[in-house]
């Protein structure tokens, strides 16, 4: 993934699909299929990690709320 080194982009809810596409560097657009597959794995894992983090936050909030109600 040498062509992708140094590339980072903060994705927020405010970005439109067009803005994301326009922000892609040429190195990503010219990446090989193998590099893109690796990049896709990173994106997929990032999404799973973010969903897991949200679920963990909900569990902690639920646990904290239930503990407060018991005391």
N, C-alpha and C. Protein backbone atom coordinates (compact mmCIF):
# COMPACT_ATOMS: atom_id res chain seq x y z
N UNK A 1 0.81 -1.20 0.00
CA UNK A 1 0.00 0.00 0.00
C UNK A 1 0.85 1.26 0.00
N UNK A 2 1.97 1.21 -0.62
CA UNK A 2 2.87 2.35 -0.63
C UNK A 2 2.23 3.61 -1.18
N UNK A 3 1.37 3.45 -2.15
CA UNK A 3 0.74 4.62 -2.76
C UNK A 3 -0.21 5.32 -1.80
N UNK A 4 -0.67 4.61 -0.78
CA UNK A 4 -1.66 5.17 0.14
C UNK A 4 -1.02 5.76 1.39
N UNK A 5 0.28 5.61 1.57
CA UNK A 5 0.94 6.13 2.76
C UNK A 5 0.77 7.63 2.84
N UNK A 6 0.53 8.08 4.06
CA UNK A 6 0.40 9.50 4.27
C UNK A 6 -0.98 10.05 3.96
N UNK A 7 -1.88 9.21 3.51
CA UNK A 7 -3.22 9.68 3.18
C UNK A 7 -4.11 9.53 4.38
N UNK A 8 -4.77 10.58 4.75
CA UNK A 8 -5.75 10.49 5.83
C UNK A 8 -6.83 11.52 5.55
N UNK A 9 -8.03 11.16 5.94
CA UNK A 9 -9.15 12.05 5.75
C UNK A 9 -10.13 11.84 6.88
N UNK A 10 -10.49 12.89 7.54
CA UNK A 10 -11.46 12.81 8.62
C UNK A 10 -12.85 12.80 8.02
N UNK A 11 -13.59 11.74 8.26
CA UNK A 11 -14.94 11.62 7.72
C UNK A 11 -15.93 11.99 8.81
N UNK A 12 -16.74 12.99 8.54
CA UNK A 12 -17.77 13.40 9.48
C UNK A 12 -19.12 13.31 8.79
N UNK A 13 -20.15 13.48 9.57
CA UNK A 13 -21.51 13.40 9.04
C UNK A 13 -21.79 14.54 8.05
N UNK A 14 -20.98 15.59 8.10
CA UNK A 14 -21.22 16.76 7.26
C UNK A 14 -20.74 16.60 5.82
N UNK A 15 -19.93 15.58 5.55
CA UNK A 15 -19.42 15.36 4.21
C UNK A 15 -20.49 14.73 3.32
N UNK A 16 -20.61 15.24 2.11
CA UNK A 16 -21.49 14.59 1.13
C UNK A 16 -20.64 13.59 0.36
N UNK A 17 -21.29 12.68 -0.32
CA UNK A 17 -20.58 11.70 -1.13
C UNK A 17 -19.73 12.39 -2.19
N UNK A 18 -20.24 13.45 -2.78
CA UNK A 18 -19.49 14.18 -3.79
C UNK A 18 -18.23 14.81 -3.18
N UNK A 19 -18.35 15.38 -1.99
CA UNK A 19 -17.19 15.98 -1.33
C UNK A 19 -16.13 14.92 -1.03
N UNK A 20 -16.58 13.75 -0.59
CA UNK A 20 -15.64 12.66 -0.33
C UNK A 20 -14.91 12.25 -1.61
N UNK A 21 -15.67 12.11 -2.70
CA UNK A 21 -15.08 11.70 -3.97
C UNK A 21 -14.09 12.74 -4.47
N UNK A 22 -14.43 14.01 -4.32
CA UNK A 22 -13.54 15.07 -4.76
C UNK A 22 -12.28 15.15 -3.90
N UNK A 23 -12.36 14.66 -2.67
CA UNK A 23 -11.23 14.72 -1.77
C UNK A 23 -10.27 13.55 -1.89
N UNK A 24 -10.60 12.58 -2.74
CA UNK A 24 -9.73 11.42 -2.89
C UNK A 24 -8.43 11.81 -3.60
N UNK A 25 -7.32 11.44 -3.04
CA UNK A 25 -6.05 11.76 -3.69
C UNK A 25 -5.83 10.88 -4.93
N UNK A 26 -5.01 11.36 -5.83
CA UNK A 26 -4.72 10.60 -7.06
C UNK A 26 -4.11 9.24 -6.74
N UNK A 27 -3.34 9.16 -5.64
CA UNK A 27 -2.72 7.88 -5.28
C UNK A 27 -3.78 6.82 -5.01
N UNK A 28 -4.90 7.22 -4.45
CA UNK A 28 -5.97 6.26 -4.19
C UNK A 28 -6.70 5.93 -5.49
N UNK A 29 -6.91 6.92 -6.32
CA UNK A 29 -7.59 6.68 -7.59
C UNK A 29 -6.77 5.79 -8.51
N UNK A 30 -5.44 5.86 -8.39
CA UNK A 30 -4.56 5.06 -9.23
C UNK A 30 -4.10 3.77 -8.56
N UNK A 31 -4.65 3.46 -7.40
CA UNK A 31 -4.24 2.27 -6.65
C UNK A 31 -4.62 1.00 -7.40
N UNK A 32 -3.84 -0.05 -7.16
CA UNK A 32 -4.14 -1.35 -7.78
C UNK A 32 -5.33 -2.00 -7.08
N UNK A 33 -5.88 -3.02 -7.70
CA UNK A 33 -6.99 -3.75 -7.09
C UNK A 33 -6.60 -4.30 -5.73
N UNK A 34 -5.39 -4.81 -5.62
CA UNK A 34 -4.92 -5.37 -4.35
C UNK A 34 -4.85 -4.29 -3.27
N UNK A 35 -4.35 -3.13 -3.63
CA UNK A 35 -4.28 -2.02 -2.68
C UNK A 35 -5.68 -1.58 -2.26
N UNK A 36 -6.60 -1.53 -3.21
CA UNK A 36 -7.97 -1.14 -2.89
C UNK A 36 -8.66 -2.16 -2.00
N UNK A 37 -8.37 -3.43 -2.22
CA UNK A 37 -8.94 -4.48 -1.36
C UNK A 37 -8.44 -4.30 0.07
N UNK A 38 -7.16 -4.01 0.22
CA UNK A 38 -6.60 -3.77 1.55
C UNK A 38 -7.21 -2.55 2.20
N UNK A 39 -7.39 -1.50 1.41
CA UNK A 39 -8.01 -0.28 1.92
C UNK A 39 -9.45 -0.55 2.34
N UNK A 40 -10.17 -1.36 1.56
CA UNK A 40 -11.55 -1.70 1.90
C UNK A 40 -11.61 -2.46 3.22
N UNK A 41 -10.65 -3.35 3.45
CA UNK A 41 -10.60 -4.09 4.72
C UNK A 41 -10.41 -3.13 5.89
N UNK A 42 -9.56 -2.13 5.69
CA UNK A 42 -9.35 -1.13 6.74
C UNK A 42 -10.63 -0.36 7.01
N UNK A 43 -11.32 0.04 5.97
CA UNK A 43 -12.58 0.77 6.13
C UNK A 43 -13.61 -0.10 6.84
N UNK A 44 -13.75 -1.36 6.42
CA UNK A 44 -14.72 -2.26 7.04
C UNK A 44 -14.44 -2.44 8.53
N UNK A 45 -13.17 -2.63 8.86
CA UNK A 45 -12.80 -2.83 10.27
C UNK A 45 -13.01 -1.56 11.07
N UNK A 46 -12.76 -0.41 10.46
CA UNK A 46 -12.99 0.87 11.13
C UNK A 46 -14.47 1.04 11.45
N UNK A 47 -15.32 0.66 10.51
CA UNK A 47 -16.77 0.77 10.74
C UNK A 47 -17.18 -0.16 11.88
N UNK A 48 -16.67 -1.41 11.87
CA UNK A 48 -17.00 -2.35 12.96
C UNK A 48 -16.51 -1.81 14.30
N UNK A 49 -15.32 -1.24 14.31
CA UNK A 49 -14.77 -0.70 15.54
C UNK A 49 -15.62 0.46 16.05
N UNK A 50 -16.04 1.32 15.15
CA UNK A 50 -16.87 2.46 15.55
C UNK A 50 -18.21 2.00 16.09
N UNK A 51 -18.83 1.01 15.44
CA UNK A 51 -20.09 0.47 15.93
C UNK A 51 -19.92 -0.19 17.30
N UNK A 52 -18.80 -0.90 17.47
CA UNK A 52 -18.51 -1.52 18.76
C UNK A 52 -18.32 -0.47 19.84
N UNK A 53 -17.67 0.62 19.51
CA UNK A 53 -17.46 1.71 20.47
C UNK A 53 -18.81 2.32 20.87
N UNK A 54 -19.67 2.52 19.92
CA UNK A 54 -21.01 3.06 20.23
C UNK A 54 -21.79 2.10 21.11
N UNK A 55 -21.72 0.81 20.80
CA UNK A 55 -22.42 -0.17 21.62
C UNK A 55 -21.86 -0.20 23.03
N UNK A 56 -20.56 -0.10 23.17
CA UNK A 56 -19.92 -0.07 24.48
C UNK A 56 -20.37 1.16 25.27
N UNK A 57 -20.44 2.30 24.61
CA UNK A 57 -20.91 3.51 25.28
C UNK A 57 -22.34 3.34 25.79
N UNK A 58 -23.20 2.72 24.98
CA UNK A 58 -24.59 2.48 25.39
C UNK A 58 -24.65 1.55 26.59
N UNK A 59 -23.84 0.49 26.57
CA UNK A 59 -23.81 -0.45 27.69
C UNK A 59 -23.34 0.23 28.98
N UNK A 60 -22.30 1.05 28.86
CA UNK A 60 -21.80 1.76 30.03
C UNK A 60 -22.85 2.72 30.56
N UNK A 61 -23.51 3.42 29.67
CA UNK A 61 -24.56 4.37 30.09
C UNK A 61 -25.70 3.63 30.78
N UNK A 62 -26.12 2.51 30.21
CA UNK A 62 -27.20 1.72 30.81
C UNK A 62 -26.78 1.19 32.17
N UNK A 63 -25.55 0.67 32.26
CA UNK A 63 -25.05 0.15 33.52
C UNK A 63 -24.97 1.25 34.57
N UNK A 64 -24.43 2.41 34.18
CA UNK A 64 -24.30 3.53 35.12
C UNK A 64 -25.65 4.00 35.60
N UNK A 65 -26.61 4.08 34.70
CA UNK A 65 -27.95 4.51 35.07
C UNK A 65 -28.60 3.52 36.02
N UNK A 66 -28.44 2.24 35.76
CA UNK A 66 -29.04 1.22 36.64
C UNK A 66 -28.37 1.24 38.01
N UNK A 67 -27.06 1.48 38.06
CA UNK A 67 -26.33 1.54 39.34
C UNK A 67 -26.79 2.75 40.15
N UNK A 68 -27.02 3.88 39.49
CA UNK A 68 -27.46 5.08 40.17
C UNK A 68 -28.85 4.87 40.76
N UNK A 69 -29.73 4.19 40.02
CA UNK A 69 -31.09 3.97 40.48
C UNK A 69 -31.14 3.03 41.67
N UNK A 70 -30.17 2.10 41.78
CA UNK A 70 -30.14 1.15 42.89
C UNK A 70 -29.66 1.77 44.19
N UNK A 71 -28.90 2.86 44.08
CA UNK A 71 -28.34 3.46 45.30
C UNK A 71 -29.24 4.53 45.87
